[in-house]
N, C-alpha and C. Protein backbone atom coordinates (compact mmCIF):
# COMPACT_ATOMS: atom_id res chain seq x y z
N MET A 1 75.17 154.25 -0.19
CA MET A 1 74.12 155.26 -0.21
C MET A 1 73.17 154.96 -1.37
N ASP A 2 71.89 154.92 -1.06
CA ASP A 2 70.87 154.69 -2.08
C ASP A 2 70.50 156.00 -2.75
N ILE A 3 70.19 155.90 -4.02
CA ILE A 3 69.61 157.03 -4.75
C ILE A 3 68.11 156.80 -4.75
N LEU A 4 67.35 157.78 -4.32
CA LEU A 4 65.90 157.65 -4.24
C LEU A 4 65.24 158.58 -5.23
N THR A 5 64.10 158.16 -5.71
CA THR A 5 63.25 159.07 -6.47
C THR A 5 62.45 159.88 -5.45
N TYR A 6 61.85 160.95 -5.90
CA TYR A 6 61.04 161.74 -4.97
C TYR A 6 59.86 160.92 -4.45
N LYS A 7 59.31 160.03 -5.28
CA LYS A 7 58.21 159.18 -4.83
C LYS A 7 58.66 158.25 -3.71
N GLU A 8 59.84 157.66 -3.89
CA GLU A 8 60.38 156.77 -2.86
C GLU A 8 60.63 157.54 -1.57
N PHE A 9 61.20 158.73 -1.72
CA PHE A 9 61.52 159.57 -0.55
C PHE A 9 60.25 159.83 0.26
N GLY A 10 59.22 160.31 -0.40
CA GLY A 10 57.96 160.62 0.29
C GLY A 10 57.28 159.39 0.85
N THR A 11 57.33 158.30 0.11
CA THR A 11 56.68 157.07 0.56
C THR A 11 57.39 156.49 1.77
N VAL A 12 58.72 156.53 1.78
CA VAL A 12 59.47 156.04 2.95
C VAL A 12 59.08 156.85 4.18
N LEU A 13 59.07 158.15 4.06
CA LEU A 13 58.72 159.02 5.17
C LEU A 13 57.30 158.70 5.66
N ASN A 14 56.38 158.55 4.72
CA ASN A 14 54.99 158.26 5.06
C ASN A 14 54.84 156.89 5.71
N LEU A 15 55.46 155.87 5.11
CA LEU A 15 55.34 154.51 5.65
C LEU A 15 55.94 154.41 7.06
N ALA A 16 56.96 155.21 7.32
CA ALA A 16 57.59 155.21 8.64
C ALA A 16 56.72 155.93 9.67
N GLY A 17 55.68 156.62 9.19
CA GLY A 17 54.74 157.26 10.09
C GLY A 17 55.10 158.67 10.51
N PHE A 18 55.96 159.32 9.74
CA PHE A 18 56.37 160.68 10.07
C PHE A 18 55.79 161.68 9.09
N SER A 19 55.55 162.88 9.61
CA SER A 19 55.00 163.95 8.79
C SER A 19 56.12 164.76 8.16
N HIS A 20 55.73 165.56 7.18
CA HIS A 20 56.69 166.50 6.57
C HIS A 20 57.23 167.44 7.64
N ARG A 21 56.34 167.87 8.54
CA ARG A 21 56.74 168.80 9.60
C ARG A 21 57.83 168.18 10.49
N GLU A 22 57.67 166.93 10.88
CA GLU A 22 58.66 166.29 11.76
C GLU A 22 60.02 166.20 11.07
N PHE A 23 60.01 165.81 9.81
CA PHE A 23 61.29 165.72 9.10
C PHE A 23 61.86 167.11 8.87
N ALA A 24 60.99 168.07 8.55
CA ALA A 24 61.45 169.45 8.33
C ALA A 24 62.12 169.99 9.59
N ASP A 25 61.53 169.73 10.74
CA ASP A 25 62.15 170.17 12.00
C ASP A 25 63.52 169.54 12.18
N TYR A 26 63.62 168.26 11.82
CA TYR A 26 64.89 167.54 11.97
C TYR A 26 65.99 168.16 11.09
N ILE A 27 65.64 168.52 9.85
CA ILE A 27 66.66 169.09 8.95
C ILE A 27 66.70 170.62 9.01
N GLN A 28 65.89 171.17 9.90
CA GLN A 28 65.84 172.62 10.11
C GLN A 28 65.49 173.38 8.82
N MET A 29 64.46 172.87 8.16
CA MET A 29 63.91 173.51 6.97
C MET A 29 62.41 173.62 7.18
N SER A 30 61.73 174.28 6.26
CA SER A 30 60.28 174.44 6.39
C SER A 30 59.55 173.19 5.93
N ARG A 31 58.30 173.06 6.40
CA ARG A 31 57.46 171.96 5.98
C ARG A 31 57.21 172.04 4.47
N SER A 32 57.04 173.26 3.96
CA SER A 32 56.79 173.41 2.53
C SER A 32 58.02 173.00 1.71
N PHE A 33 59.22 173.21 2.27
CA PHE A 33 60.43 172.76 1.58
C PHE A 33 60.42 171.24 1.45
N VAL A 34 60.10 170.56 2.54
CA VAL A 34 60.04 169.09 2.50
C VAL A 34 58.94 168.65 1.54
N GLY A 35 57.80 169.33 1.56
CA GLY A 35 56.73 169.00 0.61
C GLY A 35 57.19 169.13 -0.83
N SER A 36 58.00 170.15 -1.10
CA SER A 36 58.49 170.33 -2.48
C SER A 36 59.48 169.23 -2.86
N LEU A 37 60.23 168.70 -1.88
CA LEU A 37 61.11 167.55 -2.16
C LEU A 37 60.26 166.33 -2.49
N VAL A 38 59.24 166.10 -1.68
CA VAL A 38 58.37 164.93 -1.84
C VAL A 38 57.61 164.97 -3.17
N ARG A 39 57.24 166.16 -3.61
CA ARG A 39 56.50 166.30 -4.88
C ARG A 39 57.42 166.35 -6.09
N GLY A 40 58.73 166.38 -5.87
CA GLY A 40 59.67 166.42 -6.98
C GLY A 40 59.86 167.80 -7.55
N GLU A 41 59.46 168.82 -6.82
CA GLU A 41 59.60 170.20 -7.30
C GLU A 41 61.00 170.76 -7.04
N ARG A 42 61.72 170.13 -6.14
CA ARG A 42 63.11 170.50 -5.85
C ARG A 42 63.97 169.27 -6.04
N PRO A 43 65.21 169.47 -6.43
CA PRO A 43 66.09 168.31 -6.59
C PRO A 43 66.33 167.61 -5.24
N LEU A 44 66.29 166.32 -5.28
CA LEU A 44 66.49 165.51 -4.08
C LEU A 44 67.97 165.15 -3.99
N SER A 45 68.71 165.92 -3.23
CA SER A 45 70.15 165.70 -3.13
C SER A 45 70.46 164.57 -2.15
N LEU A 46 71.67 164.08 -2.25
CA LEU A 46 72.12 163.03 -1.33
C LEU A 46 72.08 163.52 0.11
N ARG A 47 72.22 164.80 0.30
CA ARG A 47 72.17 165.37 1.66
C ARG A 47 70.84 165.05 2.32
N TYR A 48 69.74 165.21 1.60
CA TYR A 48 68.43 164.97 2.19
C TYR A 48 68.13 163.48 2.29
N ILE A 49 68.64 162.71 1.38
CA ILE A 49 68.49 161.25 1.49
C ILE A 49 69.23 160.76 2.72
N ASP A 50 70.45 161.25 2.91
CA ASP A 50 71.24 160.87 4.09
C ASP A 50 70.57 161.36 5.37
N SER A 51 69.97 162.54 5.32
CA SER A 51 69.25 163.06 6.49
C SER A 51 68.05 162.18 6.83
N LEU A 52 67.36 161.70 5.80
CA LEU A 52 66.22 160.81 6.02
C LEU A 52 66.68 159.52 6.68
N ARG A 53 67.80 158.99 6.21
CA ARG A 53 68.35 157.76 6.79
C ARG A 53 68.72 157.98 8.25
N SER A 54 69.34 159.10 8.54
CA SER A 54 69.72 159.42 9.92
C SER A 54 68.47 159.62 10.79
N PHE A 55 67.48 160.31 10.24
CA PHE A 55 66.24 160.59 10.96
C PHE A 55 65.52 159.30 11.33
N LEU A 56 65.43 158.38 10.40
CA LEU A 56 64.69 157.13 10.63
C LEU A 56 65.53 156.05 11.30
N GLY A 57 66.82 156.12 11.14
CA GLY A 57 67.68 155.02 11.57
C GLY A 57 67.83 154.05 10.40
N LYS A 58 68.98 153.41 10.32
CA LYS A 58 69.28 152.57 9.16
C LYS A 58 68.25 151.46 8.96
N GLU A 59 67.87 150.78 10.03
CA GLU A 59 66.97 149.64 9.89
C GLU A 59 65.59 150.06 9.40
N LEU A 60 65.00 151.10 10.01
CA LEU A 60 63.68 151.58 9.58
C LEU A 60 63.75 152.14 8.16
N TYR A 61 64.84 152.83 7.86
CA TYR A 61 65.03 153.38 6.52
C TYR A 61 65.06 152.25 5.49
N ASP A 62 65.87 151.21 5.76
CA ASP A 62 66.00 150.10 4.81
C ASP A 62 64.68 149.37 4.60
N VAL A 63 63.97 149.10 5.69
CA VAL A 63 62.66 148.44 5.58
C VAL A 63 61.68 149.35 4.83
N GLY A 64 61.68 150.62 5.19
CA GLY A 64 60.80 151.57 4.54
C GLY A 64 61.07 151.68 3.05
N LEU A 65 62.34 151.69 2.68
CA LEU A 65 62.69 151.79 1.26
C LEU A 65 62.24 150.55 0.50
N THR A 66 62.43 149.38 1.08
CA THR A 66 61.99 148.14 0.44
C THR A 66 60.47 148.16 0.24
N LEU A 67 59.75 148.53 1.30
CA LEU A 67 58.29 148.59 1.20
C LEU A 67 57.83 149.67 0.24
N ALA A 68 58.51 150.80 0.25
CA ALA A 68 58.15 151.90 -0.66
C ALA A 68 58.31 151.47 -2.10
N ARG A 69 59.40 150.81 -2.41
CA ARG A 69 59.63 150.36 -3.79
C ARG A 69 58.58 149.34 -4.21
N ARG A 70 58.20 148.45 -3.31
CA ARG A 70 57.14 147.49 -3.63
C ARG A 70 55.81 148.21 -3.86
N LYS A 71 55.50 149.14 -2.97
CA LYS A 71 54.23 149.87 -3.08
C LYS A 71 54.17 150.67 -4.38
N ILE A 72 55.23 151.35 -4.71
CA ILE A 72 55.26 152.16 -5.94
C ILE A 72 55.15 151.26 -7.17
N ALA A 73 55.85 150.13 -7.15
CA ALA A 73 55.77 149.19 -8.28
C ALA A 73 54.34 148.66 -8.44
N GLU A 74 53.68 148.36 -7.32
CA GLU A 74 52.30 147.88 -7.37
C GLU A 74 51.37 148.96 -7.90
N GLU A 75 51.56 150.20 -7.45
CA GLU A 75 50.74 151.31 -7.95
C GLU A 75 50.94 151.50 -9.45
N GLU A 76 52.18 151.40 -9.90
CA GLU A 76 52.46 151.55 -11.33
C GLU A 76 51.85 150.41 -12.13
N ARG A 77 51.87 149.20 -11.57
CA ARG A 77 51.26 148.06 -12.24
C ARG A 77 49.75 148.26 -12.38
N ARG A 78 49.11 148.73 -11.28
CA ARG A 78 47.66 148.98 -11.33
C ARG A 78 47.33 150.10 -12.32
N LEU A 79 48.14 151.14 -12.35
CA LEU A 79 47.93 152.22 -13.31
C LEU A 79 48.02 151.71 -14.74
N GLU A 80 49.02 150.87 -14.99
CA GLU A 80 49.18 150.31 -16.34
C GLU A 80 48.00 149.43 -16.71
N GLU A 81 47.50 148.65 -15.74
CA GLU A 81 46.32 147.83 -16.01
C GLU A 81 45.11 148.70 -16.37
N ARG A 82 44.91 149.79 -15.61
CA ARG A 82 43.80 150.69 -15.91
C ARG A 82 43.96 151.35 -17.27
N ARG A 83 45.20 151.76 -17.59
CA ARG A 83 45.46 152.35 -18.91
C ARG A 83 45.14 151.35 -20.01
N GLN A 84 45.57 150.11 -19.82
CA GLN A 84 45.34 149.09 -20.83
C GLN A 84 43.84 148.81 -20.98
N LYS A 85 43.11 148.80 -19.87
CA LYS A 85 41.65 148.59 -19.95
C LYS A 85 40.99 149.72 -20.73
N ARG A 86 41.44 150.97 -20.49
CA ARG A 86 40.88 152.11 -21.25
C ARG A 86 41.20 151.98 -22.73
N ILE A 87 42.43 151.56 -23.04
CA ILE A 87 42.82 151.38 -24.44
C ILE A 87 41.95 150.30 -25.08
N ASP A 88 41.77 149.18 -24.37
CA ASP A 88 40.95 148.09 -24.90
C ASP A 88 39.51 148.53 -25.09
N ALA A 89 38.97 149.27 -24.11
CA ALA A 89 37.59 149.75 -24.22
C ALA A 89 37.45 150.71 -25.39
N ASP A 90 38.42 151.60 -25.57
CA ASP A 90 38.39 152.54 -26.70
C ASP A 90 38.46 151.79 -28.02
N ARG A 91 39.30 150.75 -28.07
CA ARG A 91 39.43 149.96 -29.30
C ARG A 91 38.11 149.24 -29.60
N GLU A 92 37.50 148.65 -28.57
CA GLU A 92 36.22 147.97 -28.77
C GLU A 92 35.14 148.95 -29.24
N LYS A 93 35.12 150.13 -28.65
CA LYS A 93 34.14 151.14 -29.05
C LYS A 93 34.35 151.55 -30.50
N ALA A 94 35.61 151.76 -30.89
CA ALA A 94 35.92 152.15 -32.27
C ALA A 94 35.52 151.03 -33.23
N GLU A 95 35.79 149.78 -32.86
CA GLU A 95 35.42 148.65 -33.70
C GLU A 95 33.90 148.55 -33.84
N ALA A 96 33.17 148.77 -32.73
CA ALA A 96 31.72 148.71 -32.78
C ALA A 96 31.16 149.84 -33.66
N GLN A 97 31.76 151.02 -33.55
CA GLN A 97 31.32 152.14 -34.39
C GLN A 97 31.60 151.85 -35.87
N GLU A 98 32.75 151.28 -36.14
CA GLU A 98 33.09 150.93 -37.53
C GLU A 98 32.16 149.86 -38.06
N HIS A 99 31.84 148.88 -37.21
CA HIS A 99 30.92 147.82 -37.62
C HIS A 99 29.53 148.40 -37.92
N ALA A 100 29.06 149.31 -37.06
CA ALA A 100 27.75 149.94 -37.28
C ALA A 100 27.77 150.77 -38.56
N ALA A 101 28.85 151.49 -38.81
CA ALA A 101 28.96 152.30 -40.03
C ALA A 101 28.97 151.39 -41.26
N ARG A 102 29.68 150.26 -41.18
CA ARG A 102 29.72 149.31 -42.29
C ARG A 102 28.33 148.74 -42.56
N GLU A 103 27.60 148.41 -41.50
CA GLU A 103 26.24 147.89 -41.68
C GLU A 103 25.32 148.94 -42.32
N ARG A 104 25.47 150.21 -41.91
CA ARG A 104 24.65 151.27 -42.52
C ARG A 104 24.98 151.40 -44.00
N ARG A 105 26.27 151.33 -44.36
CA ARG A 105 26.66 151.43 -45.77
C ARG A 105 26.09 150.25 -46.57
N GLU A 106 26.18 149.06 -45.99
CA GLU A 106 25.66 147.87 -46.67
C GLU A 106 24.14 147.96 -46.85
N LYS A 107 23.47 148.47 -45.82
CA LYS A 107 22.01 148.62 -45.91
C LYS A 107 21.64 149.63 -47.00
N ARG A 108 22.38 150.75 -47.05
CA ARG A 108 22.12 151.74 -48.12
C ARG A 108 22.36 151.13 -49.49
N THR A 109 23.42 150.37 -49.60
CA THR A 109 23.75 149.73 -50.88
C THR A 109 22.64 148.77 -51.27
N ARG A 110 22.14 147.97 -50.32
CA ARG A 110 21.05 147.04 -50.63
C ARG A 110 19.78 147.79 -51.03
N LEU A 111 19.47 148.88 -50.30
CA LEU A 111 18.28 149.66 -50.63
C LEU A 111 18.39 150.28 -52.03
N LEU A 112 19.58 150.84 -52.32
CA LEU A 112 19.80 151.44 -53.64
C LEU A 112 19.72 150.36 -54.73
N SER A 113 20.28 149.22 -54.44
CA SER A 113 20.28 148.12 -55.41
C SER A 113 18.86 147.63 -55.69
N SER A 114 18.09 147.48 -54.61
CA SER A 114 16.70 147.01 -54.80
C SER A 114 15.85 148.09 -55.46
N ALA A 115 16.14 149.35 -55.19
CA ALA A 115 15.37 150.44 -55.83
C ALA A 115 15.68 150.53 -57.30
N THR A 116 16.88 150.24 -57.72
CA THR A 116 17.23 150.32 -59.14
C THR A 116 16.72 149.10 -59.89
N LYS A 117 16.47 148.01 -59.21
CA LYS A 117 15.93 146.81 -59.86
C LYS A 117 14.46 146.94 -60.17
N LYS A 118 13.76 147.81 -59.51
CA LYS A 118 12.30 147.96 -59.71
C LYS A 118 11.97 148.73 -60.91
């Protein structure tokens, strides 16, 4: 028995082409209950993971889980890349601001120095 995260659970269901309503009908629960499982608002027990496997069949479940894990890993990689780009852009902006501030200080120092020499 696999342990799934709520993201994996929802992604498997989605990739298999089934709605929350269809799975909810299968487990005799409400669509909103299934939605709360998929969003991680309710604990995802082995009972519901096993129900998903039964609902999809072992082969579709296994393929769906493999694809879901790949998809989630790719999404996380892209998110990390975007985060890193924002960090780099913020760092470059801070460096440019510091450079501009340093130039203003140096210019003031030169002006003060030349004014005192006169």
